[in-house]
Amino acid sequence: MSNIDKQALREAAERAMHDDWGYDTDIFHEQVTPSVVLALLDENLQLQREKDAIEAVALAMRDDMRQAREQLEAAERSMAEQSAIVAAAEKLVRCKGRYHSELNYRALAKLFGVITPDLPPLVHENVHYAEAVEVEISALRQRIAELEAREVTLPAEKFCPSEYAGSQYWEETEVWNKAISACAVAVRAAGIKVKES
């Protein structure tokens, strides 16, 4: 800033404060001229401006860091969501057969870039999608028919002689029979046949 000897100025000021005769005060007044005072004030003002500028930069950097941290967290959440979607899609591609036609399997594999060496190449690349859907529908209809045709046998109700009335065995038998009846009602409501025993 300035070439003022601040240490010498300080020492002269301290001596002048303790001077009873005025000799050191005169020396101090000789050293402290209007140009020295103005230079010190200018230097002080410049330091204050630099301090204010540094504080402004620090505040801006803090805000930028907060914003960058929020963007990073949002990007990490997005990546986690996307990796979960990709993992689910790859799992979906890998579970071909029972729930997905081969064409759907191939389309998903192509979409997500999954290599499928387990599939033979298509003989006819122009296989119509409706044919694949028909195969799926007929398989589902067959499974529904199998489920509707099946019959369930529930355990038989228990008989408890009347001489056990009021005993624990009597109460357990009543609970058992009510449970069997409730199961039969629920199974019939689901469309499944119940064999009478």
N, C-alpha and C. Protein backbone atom coordinates (compact mmCIF):
# COMPACT_ATOMS: atom_id res chain seq x y z
N MET A 1 0.83 -1.18 0.00
CA MET A 1 0.00 0.00 0.00
C MET A 1 0.88 1.25 0.00
N SER A 2 1.23 1.69 1.19
CA SER A 2 2.07 2.90 1.27
C SER A 2 3.40 2.51 1.91
N ASN A 3 4.36 3.39 1.75
CA ASN A 3 5.68 3.10 2.31
C ASN A 3 5.89 3.80 3.65
N ILE A 4 4.84 3.94 4.43
CA ILE A 4 4.90 4.58 5.74
C ILE A 4 5.47 3.57 6.71
N ASP A 5 6.42 4.01 7.55
CA ASP A 5 6.98 3.15 8.58
C ASP A 5 6.01 3.17 9.76
N LYS A 6 5.13 2.22 9.76
CA LYS A 6 4.07 2.21 10.77
C LYS A 6 4.62 1.94 12.15
N GLN A 7 5.65 1.12 12.23
CA GLN A 7 6.22 0.80 13.54
C GLN A 7 6.85 2.05 14.16
N ALA A 8 7.58 2.81 13.35
CA ALA A 8 8.21 4.05 13.86
C ALA A 8 7.14 5.05 14.27
N LEU A 9 6.07 5.14 13.50
CA LEU A 9 4.96 6.04 13.81
C LEU A 9 4.30 5.64 15.13
N ARG A 10 4.14 4.35 15.34
CA ARG A 10 3.54 3.86 16.58
C ARG A 10 4.43 4.21 17.78
N GLU A 11 5.71 3.98 17.65
CA GLU A 11 6.63 4.27 18.76
C GLU A 11 6.63 5.76 19.09
N ALA A 12 6.59 6.61 18.06
CA ALA A 12 6.56 8.06 18.30
C ALA A 12 5.27 8.46 19.00
N ALA A 13 4.16 7.84 18.63
CA ALA A 13 2.87 8.16 19.27
C ALA A 13 2.88 7.72 20.72
N GLU A 14 3.46 6.56 21.01
CA GLU A 14 3.51 6.09 22.39
C GLU A 14 4.41 6.98 23.25
N ARG A 15 5.52 7.42 22.70
CA ARG A 15 6.41 8.32 23.46
C ARG A 15 5.72 9.66 23.70
N ALA A 16 4.97 10.14 22.70
CA ALA A 16 4.30 11.44 22.83
C ALA A 16 3.21 11.38 23.88
N MET A 17 2.59 10.25 24.08
CA MET A 17 1.53 10.13 25.08
C MET A 17 2.10 10.26 26.50
N HIS A 18 3.34 9.84 26.70
CA HIS A 18 3.94 9.85 28.03
C HIS A 18 4.92 11.02 28.21
N ASP A 19 4.93 11.93 27.31
CA ASP A 19 5.88 13.05 27.36
C ASP A 19 5.28 14.23 28.13
N ASP A 20 5.93 14.59 29.24
CA ASP A 20 5.46 15.73 30.03
C ASP A 20 6.02 17.05 29.51
N TRP A 21 7.12 17.04 28.82
CA TRP A 21 7.78 18.27 28.40
C TRP A 21 7.43 18.69 26.97
N GLY A 22 6.86 17.80 26.18
CA GLY A 22 6.45 18.17 24.84
C GLY A 22 7.48 17.91 23.76
N TYR A 23 8.68 17.43 24.16
CA TYR A 23 9.72 17.18 23.17
C TYR A 23 9.30 16.06 22.21
N ASP A 24 8.83 14.91 22.79
CA ASP A 24 8.43 13.77 21.96
C ASP A 24 7.16 14.08 21.19
N THR A 25 6.33 14.95 21.72
CA THR A 25 5.11 15.33 21.02
C THR A 25 5.46 16.10 19.75
N ASP A 26 6.47 16.93 19.85
CA ASP A 26 6.91 17.68 18.66
C ASP A 26 7.43 16.73 17.58
N ILE A 27 8.17 15.73 18.00
CA ILE A 27 8.69 14.75 17.02
C ILE A 27 7.52 14.02 16.36
N PHE A 28 6.53 13.66 17.18
CA PHE A 28 5.35 12.96 16.64
C PHE A 28 4.64 13.84 15.62
N HIS A 29 4.47 15.12 15.94
CA HIS A 29 3.77 16.03 15.02
C HIS A 29 4.56 16.23 13.73
N GLU A 30 5.86 16.12 13.82
CA GLU A 30 6.67 16.23 12.61
C GLU A 30 6.47 15.01 11.71
N GLN A 31 6.26 13.84 12.34
CA GLN A 31 6.10 12.61 11.55
C GLN A 31 4.68 12.46 11.02
N VAL A 32 3.69 12.94 11.75
CA VAL A 32 2.30 12.80 11.33
C VAL A 32 1.91 14.05 10.56
N THR A 33 2.04 13.95 9.28
CA THR A 33 1.68 15.06 8.39
C THR A 33 0.33 14.75 7.76
N PRO A 34 -0.31 15.75 7.15
CA PRO A 34 -1.59 15.47 6.48
C PRO A 34 -1.47 14.39 5.41
N SER A 35 -0.36 14.35 4.71
CA SER A 35 -0.20 13.31 3.67
C SER A 35 -0.11 11.92 4.29
N VAL A 36 0.53 11.80 5.47
CA VAL A 36 0.61 10.51 6.16
C VAL A 36 -0.77 10.08 6.62
N VAL A 37 -1.52 11.00 7.19
CA VAL A 37 -2.88 10.68 7.65
C VAL A 37 -3.75 10.26 6.48
N LEU A 38 -3.68 10.99 5.37
CA LEU A 38 -4.48 10.64 4.19
C LEU A 38 -4.08 9.27 3.63
N ALA A 39 -2.77 9.01 3.61
CA ALA A 39 -2.29 7.71 3.12
C ALA A 39 -2.81 6.58 4.00
N LEU A 40 -2.77 6.78 5.31
CA LEU A 40 -3.28 5.76 6.23
C LEU A 40 -4.79 5.55 6.05
N LEU A 41 -5.52 6.65 5.89
CA LEU A 41 -6.97 6.53 5.67
C LEU A 41 -7.28 5.82 4.36
N ASP A 42 -6.52 6.17 3.31
CA ASP A 42 -6.72 5.50 2.01
C ASP A 42 -6.43 4.00 2.11
N GLU A 43 -5.34 3.69 2.81
CA GLU A 43 -4.98 2.29 2.98
C GLU A 43 -6.05 1.54 3.77
N ASN A 44 -6.56 2.18 4.82
CA ASN A 44 -7.62 1.57 5.62
C ASN A 44 -8.88 1.36 4.77
N LEU A 45 -9.23 2.35 3.96
CA LEU A 45 -10.41 2.24 3.10
C LEU A 45 -10.23 1.11 2.08
N GLN A 46 -9.03 1.02 1.50
CA GLN A 46 -8.75 -0.03 0.53
C GLN A 46 -8.84 -1.41 1.18
N LEU A 47 -8.30 -1.55 2.38
CA LEU A 47 -8.38 -2.83 3.10
C LEU A 47 -9.83 -3.20 3.40
N GLN A 48 -10.63 -2.20 3.77
CA GLN A 48 -12.05 -2.46 4.05
C GLN A 48 -12.76 -2.93 2.78
N ARG A 49 -12.45 -2.29 1.65
CA ARG A 49 -13.07 -2.70 0.38
C ARG A 49 -12.68 -4.13 0.01
N GLU A 50 -11.40 -4.45 0.19
CA GLU A 50 -10.94 -5.81 -0.10
C GLU A 50 -11.62 -6.82 0.80
N LYS A 51 -11.76 -6.45 2.08
CA LYS A 51 -12.44 -7.35 3.03
C LYS A 51 -13.88 -7.57 2.60
N ASP A 52 -14.58 -6.48 2.22
CA ASP A 52 -15.97 -6.60 1.76
C ASP A 52 -16.07 -7.47 0.51
N ALA A 53 -15.12 -7.29 -0.41
CA ALA A 53 -15.13 -8.08 -1.65
C ALA A 53 -14.90 -9.55 -1.34
N ILE A 54 -13.97 -9.84 -0.43
CA ILE A 54 -13.70 -11.23 -0.06
C ILE A 54 -14.92 -11.85 0.61
N GLU A 55 -15.59 -11.09 1.48
CA GLU A 55 -16.81 -11.60 2.12
C GLU A 55 -17.90 -11.87 1.09
N ALA A 56 -18.03 -10.99 0.10
CA ALA A 56 -19.04 -11.20 -0.95
C ALA A 56 -18.72 -12.46 -1.75
N VAL A 57 -17.44 -12.65 -2.07
CA VAL A 57 -17.04 -13.86 -2.80
C VAL A 57 -17.30 -15.10 -1.96
N ALA A 58 -16.99 -15.03 -0.67
CA ALA A 58 -17.22 -16.17 0.22
C ALA A 58 -18.71 -16.51 0.29
N LEU A 59 -19.56 -15.48 0.39
CA LEU A 59 -21.01 -15.73 0.42
C LEU A 59 -21.49 -16.35 -0.89
N ALA A 60 -20.98 -15.83 -2.01
CA ALA A 60 -21.37 -16.38 -3.31
C ALA A 60 -20.90 -17.83 -3.44
N MET A 61 -19.69 -18.10 -2.97
CA MET A 61 -19.17 -19.48 -3.03
C MET A 61 -19.99 -20.40 -2.14
N ARG A 62 -20.40 -19.91 -0.97
CA ARG A 62 -21.23 -20.73 -0.08
C ARG A 62 -22.54 -21.08 -0.76
N ASP A 63 -23.17 -20.07 -1.41
CA ASP A 63 -24.42 -20.32 -2.11
C ASP A 63 -24.21 -21.27 -3.28
N ASP A 64 -23.10 -21.08 -4.01
CA ASP A 64 -22.80 -21.99 -5.13
C ASP A 64 -22.58 -23.41 -4.63
N MET A 65 -21.87 -23.56 -3.51
CA MET A 65 -21.63 -24.88 -2.94
C MET A 65 -22.94 -25.54 -2.51
N ARG A 66 -23.84 -24.77 -1.89
CA ARG A 66 -25.13 -25.31 -1.48
C ARG A 66 -25.91 -25.77 -2.71
N GLN A 67 -25.92 -24.93 -3.74
CA GLN A 67 -26.64 -25.28 -4.96
C GLN A 67 -26.01 -26.51 -5.63
N ALA A 68 -24.68 -26.57 -5.66
CA ALA A 68 -24.00 -27.73 -6.25
C ALA A 68 -24.30 -28.99 -5.45
N ARG A 69 -24.34 -28.88 -4.12
CA ARG A 69 -24.65 -30.03 -3.27
C ARG A 69 -26.06 -30.53 -3.54
N GLU A 70 -27.01 -29.60 -3.68
CA GLU A 70 -28.40 -29.98 -3.97
C GLU A 70 -28.50 -30.64 -5.34
N GLN A 71 -27.78 -30.11 -6.32
CA GLN A 71 -27.80 -30.71 -7.66
C GLN A 71 -27.17 -32.10 -7.63
N LEU A 72 -26.10 -32.27 -6.87
CA LEU A 72 -25.46 -33.57 -6.75
C LEU A 72 -26.40 -34.58 -6.11
N GLU A 73 -27.07 -34.18 -5.03
CA GLU A 73 -28.02 -35.08 -4.37
C GLU A 73 -29.16 -35.45 -5.31
N ALA A 74 -29.66 -34.48 -6.08
CA ALA A 74 -30.73 -34.77 -7.04
C ALA A 74 -30.24 -35.73 -8.12
N ALA A 75 -29.01 -35.53 -8.58
CA ALA A 75 -28.46 -36.42 -9.60
C ALA A 75 -28.26 -37.82 -9.05
N GLU A 76 -27.81 -37.93 -7.80
CA GLU A 76 -27.63 -39.25 -7.19
C GLU A 76 -28.97 -39.96 -7.03
N ARG A 77 -30.02 -39.20 -6.62
CA ARG A 77 -31.35 -39.82 -6.51
C ARG A 77 -31.83 -40.29 -7.88
N SER A 78 -31.63 -39.46 -8.88
CA SER A 78 -32.06 -39.81 -10.24
C SER A 78 -31.32 -41.05 -10.74
N MET A 79 -30.01 -41.11 -10.46
CA MET A 79 -29.24 -42.28 -10.88
C MET A 79 -29.72 -43.54 -10.17
N ALA A 80 -30.04 -43.42 -8.88
CA ALA A 80 -30.54 -44.58 -8.14
C ALA A 80 -31.87 -45.05 -8.71
N GLU A 81 -32.75 -44.10 -9.03
CA GLU A 81 -34.04 -44.47 -9.61
C GLU A 81 -33.84 -45.12 -10.98
N GLN A 82 -32.97 -44.55 -11.79
CA GLN A 82 -32.74 -45.10 -13.12
C GLN A 82 -32.09 -46.48 -13.05
N SER A 83 -31.16 -46.67 -12.12
CA SER A 83 -30.52 -47.98 -12.02
C SER A 83 -31.53 -49.02 -11.53
N ALA A 84 -32.46 -48.61 -10.68
CA ALA A 84 -33.51 -49.54 -10.25
C ALA A 84 -34.41 -49.91 -11.42
N ILE A 85 -34.72 -48.93 -12.27
CA ILE A 85 -35.56 -49.21 -13.44
C ILE A 85 -34.83 -50.13 -14.40
N VAL A 86 -33.56 -49.87 -14.64
CA VAL A 86 -32.78 -50.72 -15.55
C VAL A 86 -32.68 -52.13 -14.98
N ALA A 87 -32.44 -52.25 -13.67
CA ALA A 87 -32.35 -53.58 -13.06
C ALA A 87 -33.67 -54.32 -13.19
N ALA A 88 -34.77 -53.62 -12.97
CA ALA A 88 -36.09 -54.25 -13.12
C ALA A 88 -36.33 -54.66 -14.56
N ALA A 89 -35.93 -53.82 -15.50
CA ALA A 89 -36.12 -54.15 -16.91
C ALA A 89 -35.28 -55.35 -17.31
N GLU A 90 -34.03 -55.39 -16.82
CA GLU A 90 -33.19 -56.55 -17.13
C GLU A 90 -33.78 -57.82 -16.52
N LYS A 91 -34.31 -57.70 -15.32
CA LYS A 91 -34.95 -58.86 -14.69
C LYS A 91 -36.16 -59.29 -15.51
N LEU A 92 -36.93 -58.31 -15.97
CA LEU A 92 -38.10 -58.60 -16.80
C LEU A 92 -37.69 -59.29 -18.09
N VAL A 93 -36.59 -58.82 -18.68
CA VAL A 93 -36.11 -59.44 -19.91
C VAL A 93 -35.69 -60.88 -19.64
N ARG A 94 -35.06 -61.11 -18.50
CA ARG A 94 -34.54 -62.44 -18.19
C ARG A 94 -35.63 -63.44 -17.80
N CYS A 95 -36.83 -62.97 -17.45
CA CYS A 95 -37.86 -63.91 -17.00
C CYS A 95 -38.78 -64.31 -18.16
N LYS A 96 -38.21 -64.46 -19.33
CA LYS A 96 -38.99 -64.80 -20.52
C LYS A 96 -39.71 -66.13 -20.32
N GLY A 97 -40.61 -66.43 -21.22
CA GLY A 97 -41.24 -67.74 -21.21
C GLY A 97 -42.61 -67.72 -20.61
N ARG A 98 -42.70 -67.92 -19.33
CA ARG A 98 -43.99 -68.15 -18.69
C ARG A 98 -44.93 -66.95 -18.83
N TYR A 99 -44.42 -65.75 -18.65
CA TYR A 99 -45.29 -64.57 -18.68
C TYR A 99 -45.12 -63.71 -19.93
N HIS A 100 -44.06 -63.91 -20.67
CA HIS A 100 -43.79 -63.04 -21.82
C HIS A 100 -43.56 -63.89 -23.06
N SER A 101 -44.12 -63.47 -24.14
CA SER A 101 -43.87 -64.19 -25.38
C SER A 101 -42.44 -63.95 -25.80
N GLU A 102 -41.98 -64.78 -26.69
CA GLU A 102 -40.60 -64.64 -27.16
C GLU A 102 -40.38 -63.31 -27.86
N LEU A 103 -41.39 -62.84 -28.57
CA LEU A 103 -41.24 -61.55 -29.26
C LEU A 103 -41.12 -60.40 -28.26
N ASN A 104 -41.92 -60.45 -27.20
CA ASN A 104 -41.80 -59.42 -26.16
C ASN A 104 -40.42 -59.48 -25.51
N TYR A 105 -39.97 -60.69 -25.28
CA TYR A 105 -38.65 -60.89 -24.68
C TYR A 105 -37.57 -60.29 -25.57
N ARG A 106 -37.65 -60.57 -26.85
CA ARG A 106 -36.66 -60.03 -27.79
C ARG A 106 -36.73 -58.50 -27.85
N ALA A 107 -37.96 -57.95 -27.85
CA ALA A 107 -38.11 -56.49 -27.92
C ALA A 107 -37.52 -55.82 -26.68
N LEU A 108 -37.80 -56.39 -25.51
CA LEU A 108 -37.23 -55.82 -24.27
C LEU A 108 -35.71 -55.93 -24.27
N ALA A 109 -35.21 -57.08 -24.71
CA ALA A 109 -33.76 -57.27 -24.75
C ALA A 109 -33.12 -56.25 -25.67
N LYS A 110 -33.73 -56.01 -26.82
CA LYS A 110 -33.19 -55.03 -27.77
C LYS A 110 -33.26 -53.62 -27.19
N LEU A 111 -34.39 -53.30 -26.53
CA LEU A 111 -34.58 -51.97 -25.96
C LEU A 111 -33.52 -51.65 -24.91
N PHE A 112 -33.20 -52.62 -24.05
CA PHE A 112 -32.26 -52.36 -22.96
C PHE A 112 -30.85 -52.86 -23.25
N GLY A 113 -30.62 -53.33 -24.47
CA GLY A 113 -29.28 -53.74 -24.86
C GLY A 113 -28.78 -54.97 -24.14
N VAL A 114 -29.68 -55.88 -23.80
CA VAL A 114 -29.29 -57.10 -23.11
C VAL A 114 -28.98 -58.16 -24.16
N ILE A 115 -27.82 -58.79 -24.04
CA ILE A 115 -27.43 -59.83 -24.99
C ILE A 115 -28.17 -61.11 -24.62
N THR A 116 -28.78 -61.76 -25.62
CA THR A 116 -29.60 -62.95 -25.37
C THR A 116 -29.08 -64.13 -26.19
N PRO A 117 -27.97 -64.73 -25.75
CA PRO A 117 -27.44 -65.86 -26.51
C PRO A 117 -28.31 -67.11 -26.35
N ASP A 118 -29.21 -67.12 -25.37
CA ASP A 118 -30.05 -68.29 -25.13
C ASP A 118 -31.19 -68.42 -26.14
N LEU A 119 -31.41 -67.41 -26.97
CA LEU A 119 -32.49 -67.46 -27.96
C LEU A 119 -31.93 -67.80 -29.33
N PRO A 120 -32.59 -68.72 -30.02
CA PRO A 120 -32.18 -68.98 -31.40
C PRO A 120 -32.61 -67.81 -32.28
N PRO A 121 -31.93 -67.60 -33.39
CA PRO A 121 -32.35 -66.51 -34.27
C PRO A 121 -33.74 -66.78 -34.84
N LEU A 122 -34.48 -65.73 -35.10
CA LEU A 122 -35.82 -65.87 -35.66
C LEU A 122 -35.73 -66.40 -37.08
N VAL A 123 -36.57 -67.40 -37.38
CA VAL A 123 -36.62 -67.93 -38.73
C VAL A 123 -37.30 -66.92 -39.64
N HIS A 124 -38.42 -66.41 -39.18
CA HIS A 124 -39.16 -65.41 -39.94
C HIS A 124 -39.16 -64.12 -39.14
N GLU A 125 -38.41 -63.15 -39.57
CA GLU A 125 -38.34 -61.88 -38.85
C GLU A 125 -39.64 -61.10 -38.92
N ASN A 126 -40.53 -61.45 -39.85
CA ASN A 126 -41.77 -60.70 -40.01
C ASN A 126 -42.95 -61.38 -39.31
N VAL A 127 -42.68 -62.11 -38.23
CA VAL A 127 -43.75 -62.76 -37.48
C VAL A 127 -44.66 -61.67 -36.92
N HIS A 128 -45.94 -61.84 -37.11
CA HIS A 128 -46.89 -60.81 -36.72
C HIS A 128 -47.12 -60.84 -35.22
N TYR A 129 -47.23 -59.69 -34.62
CA TYR A 129 -47.42 -59.57 -33.17
C TYR A 129 -48.73 -60.20 -32.73
N ALA A 130 -49.77 -60.11 -33.53
CA ALA A 130 -51.08 -60.67 -33.17
C ALA A 130 -51.01 -62.17 -32.96
N GLU A 131 -50.18 -62.85 -33.75
CA GLU A 131 -50.03 -64.30 -33.57
C GLU A 131 -49.44 -64.62 -32.20
N ALA A 132 -48.46 -63.85 -31.80
CA ALA A 132 -47.85 -64.06 -30.49
C ALA A 132 -48.86 -63.79 -29.38
N VAL A 133 -49.68 -62.78 -29.56
CA VAL A 133 -50.71 -62.47 -28.57
C VAL A 133 -51.73 -63.60 -28.48
N GLU A 134 -52.10 -64.16 -29.62
CA GLU A 134 -53.06 -65.27 -29.62
C GLU A 134 -52.51 -66.47 -28.86
N VAL A 135 -51.24 -66.75 -29.03
CA VAL A 135 -50.62 -67.86 -28.30
C VAL A 135 -50.71 -67.59 -26.80
N GLU A 136 -50.40 -66.38 -26.39
CA GLU A 136 -50.48 -66.01 -24.98
C GLU A 136 -51.91 -66.14 -24.46
N ILE A 137 -52.86 -65.65 -25.22
CA ILE A 137 -54.27 -65.68 -24.80
C ILE A 137 -54.75 -67.12 -24.66
N SER A 138 -54.40 -67.98 -25.62
CA SER A 138 -54.86 -69.37 -25.53
C SER A 138 -54.23 -70.06 -24.33
N ALA A 139 -52.97 -69.77 -24.02
CA ALA A 139 -52.34 -70.36 -22.84
C ALA A 139 -53.03 -69.88 -21.57
N LEU A 140 -53.39 -68.61 -21.52
CA LEU A 140 -54.09 -68.08 -20.34
C LEU A 140 -55.48 -68.69 -20.20
N ARG A 141 -56.19 -68.85 -21.32
CA ARG A 141 -57.52 -69.47 -21.26
C ARG A 141 -57.43 -70.91 -20.76
N GLN A 142 -56.42 -71.62 -21.22
CA GLN A 142 -56.24 -73.00 -20.78
C GLN A 142 -55.98 -73.04 -19.27
N ARG A 143 -55.15 -72.14 -18.78
CA ARG A 143 -54.85 -72.11 -17.34
C ARG A 143 -56.09 -71.75 -16.53
N ILE A 144 -56.91 -70.81 -17.02
CA ILE A 144 -58.15 -70.45 -16.33
C ILE A 144 -59.09 -71.65 -16.28
N ALA A 145 -59.19 -72.37 -17.38
CA ALA A 145 -60.05 -73.56 -17.41
C ALA A 145 -59.56 -74.60 -16.41
N GLU A 146 -58.25 -74.79 -16.31
CA GLU A 146 -57.70 -75.74 -15.34
C GLU A 146 -58.06 -75.32 -13.92
N LEU A 147 -57.92 -74.03 -13.63
CA LEU A 147 -58.23 -73.55 -12.28
C LEU A 147 -59.71 -73.69 -11.95
N GLU A 148 -60.57 -73.41 -12.93
CA GLU A 148 -62.01 -73.52 -12.69
C GLU A 148 -62.44 -74.97 -12.57
N ALA A 149 -61.75 -75.89 -13.21
CA ALA A 149 -62.14 -77.30 -13.19
C ALA A 149 -61.66 -78.02 -11.93
N ARG A 150 -60.72 -77.49 -11.25
CA ARG A 150 -60.19 -78.22 -10.09
C ARG A 150 -61.20 -78.22 -8.95
N GLU A 151 -61.02 -79.19 -8.10
CA GLU A 151 -61.93 -79.36 -6.99
C GLU A 151 -61.10 -79.54 -5.72
N VAL A 152 -61.55 -78.94 -4.64
CA VAL A 152 -60.81 -78.97 -3.38
C VAL A 152 -61.59 -79.80 -2.38
N THR A 153 -60.86 -80.62 -1.64
CA THR A 153 -61.49 -81.39 -0.56
C THR A 153 -61.03 -80.79 0.76
N LEU A 154 -61.98 -80.33 1.53
CA LEU A 154 -61.68 -79.76 2.84
C LEU A 154 -61.76 -80.87 3.89
N PRO A 155 -61.11 -80.70 5.01
CA PRO A 155 -61.21 -81.71 6.08
C PRO A 155 -62.67 -81.84 6.55
N ALA A 156 -62.99 -83.02 6.98
CA ALA A 156 -64.36 -83.28 7.43
C ALA A 156 -64.62 -82.59 8.77
N GLU A 157 -65.89 -82.28 8.99
CA GLU A 157 -66.26 -81.70 10.27
C GLU A 157 -66.18 -82.80 11.33
N LYS A 158 -65.90 -82.41 12.56
CA LYS A 158 -65.77 -83.37 13.66
C LYS A 158 -67.11 -83.53 14.36
N PHE A 159 -67.28 -84.69 14.94
CA PHE A 159 -68.48 -84.95 15.73
C PHE A 159 -68.04 -85.12 17.18
N CYS A 160 -68.77 -84.46 18.06
CA CYS A 160 -68.47 -84.56 19.48
C CYS A 160 -69.73 -85.06 20.18
N PRO A 161 -69.65 -86.18 20.88
CA PRO A 161 -70.84 -86.71 21.58
C PRO A 161 -71.38 -85.69 22.59
N SER A 162 -72.66 -85.76 22.83
CA SER A 162 -73.33 -84.79 23.69
C SER A 162 -72.87 -84.85 25.15
N GLU A 163 -72.31 -85.96 25.57
CA GLU A 163 -71.86 -86.03 26.97
C GLU A 163 -70.64 -85.12 27.22
N TYR A 164 -70.00 -84.62 26.14
CA TYR A 164 -68.88 -83.70 26.29
C TYR A 164 -69.31 -82.24 26.24
N ALA A 165 -70.59 -81.98 26.23
CA ALA A 165 -71.11 -80.60 26.13
C ALA A 165 -70.53 -79.75 27.27
N GLY A 166 -70.03 -78.56 26.90
CA GLY A 166 -69.46 -77.64 27.88
C GLY A 166 -67.99 -77.87 28.16
N SER A 167 -67.41 -78.94 27.68
CA SER A 167 -65.99 -79.21 27.93
C SER A 167 -65.12 -78.49 26.89
N GLN A 168 -63.83 -78.53 27.13
CA GLN A 168 -62.90 -77.90 26.19
C GLN A 168 -62.95 -78.63 24.85
N TYR A 169 -63.08 -79.93 24.86
CA TYR A 169 -63.16 -80.71 23.63
C TYR A 169 -64.37 -80.28 22.82
N TRP A 170 -65.49 -80.03 23.49
CA TRP A 170 -66.72 -79.58 22.82
C TRP A 170 -66.48 -78.22 22.14
N GLU A 171 -65.82 -77.28 22.85
CA GLU A 171 -65.55 -75.94 22.31
C GLU A 171 -64.59 -76.00 21.12
N GLU A 172 -63.55 -76.83 21.24
CA GLU A 172 -62.60 -76.98 20.13
C GLU A 172 -63.29 -77.55 18.89
N THR A 173 -64.19 -78.48 19.11
CA THR A 173 -64.92 -79.08 17.98
C THR A 173 -65.79 -78.03 17.30
N GLU A 174 -66.44 -77.18 18.09
CA GLU A 174 -67.27 -76.12 17.50
C GLU A 174 -66.43 -75.15 16.68
N VAL A 175 -65.27 -74.75 17.21
CA VAL A 175 -64.38 -73.83 16.49
C VAL A 175 -63.91 -74.48 15.20
N TRP A 176 -63.52 -75.74 15.26
CA TRP A 176 -63.07 -76.48 14.07
C TRP A 176 -64.16 -76.49 13.00
N ASN A 177 -65.35 -76.83 13.38
CA ASN A 177 -66.44 -76.94 12.41
C ASN A 177 -66.79 -75.57 11.81
N LYS A 178 -66.76 -74.52 12.61
CA LYS A 178 -67.02 -73.17 12.07
C LYS A 178 -65.94 -72.77 11.07
N ALA A 179 -64.68 -73.10 11.37
CA ALA A 179 -63.58 -72.77 10.46
C ALA A 179 -63.72 -73.51 9.14
N ILE A 180 -64.09 -74.78 9.19
CA ILE A 180 -64.27 -75.57 7.96
C ILE A 180 -65.41 -74.97 7.14
N SER A 181 -66.50 -74.59 7.79
CA SER A 181 -67.64 -73.99 7.07
C SER A 181 -67.24 -72.66 6.43
N ALA A 182 -66.51 -71.82 7.16
CA ALA A 182 -66.07 -70.53 6.63
C ALA A 182 -65.13 -70.72 5.45
N CYS A 183 -64.23 -71.69 5.53
CA CYS A 183 -63.33 -71.98 4.41
C CYS A 183 -64.11 -72.42 3.18
N ALA A 184 -65.09 -73.27 3.37
CA ALA A 184 -65.89 -73.75 2.24
C ALA A 184 -66.60 -72.59 1.56
N VAL A 185 -67.15 -71.67 2.35
CA VAL A 185 -67.84 -70.51 1.77
C VAL A 185 -66.85 -69.65 0.97
N ALA A 186 -65.67 -69.39 1.53
CA ALA A 186 -64.67 -68.55 0.86
C ALA A 186 -64.15 -69.20 -0.41
N VAL A 187 -63.91 -70.50 -0.37
CA VAL A 187 -63.40 -71.20 -1.55
C VAL A 187 -64.45 -71.21 -2.66
N ARG A 188 -65.70 -71.44 -2.31
CA ARG A 188 -66.77 -71.41 -3.32
C ARG A 188 -66.92 -70.00 -3.90
N ALA A 189 -66.77 -68.98 -3.07
CA ALA A 189 -66.88 -67.61 -3.55
C ALA A 189 -65.77 -67.29 -4.54
N ALA A 190 -64.62 -67.95 -4.42
CA ALA A 190 -63.51 -67.74 -5.35
C ALA A 190 -63.71 -68.52 -6.64
N GLY A 191 -64.79 -69.29 -6.74
CA GLY A 191 -65.08 -70.03 -7.97
C GLY A 191 -64.46 -71.41 -8.00
N ILE A 192 -64.03 -71.90 -6.86
CA ILE A 192 -63.43 -73.23 -6.80
C ILE A 192 -64.46 -74.19 -6.22
N LYS A 193 -64.54 -75.36 -6.83
CA LYS A 193 -65.51 -76.36 -6.38
C LYS A 193 -64.99 -77.03 -5.12
N VAL A 194 -65.93 -77.36 -4.23
CA VAL A 194 -65.58 -78.02 -2.98
C VAL A 194 -66.26 -79.38 -2.97
N LYS A 195 -65.46 -80.44 -2.77
CA LYS A 195 -66.02 -81.79 -2.67
C LYS A 195 -66.68 -81.93 -1.31
N GLU A 196 -67.86 -82.46 -1.33
CA GLU A 196 -68.56 -82.72 -0.07
C GLU A 196 -68.02 -84.01 0.51
N SER A 197 -67.76 -84.01 1.80
CA SER A 197 -67.22 -85.23 2.40
C SER A 197 -68.22 -85.87 3.31
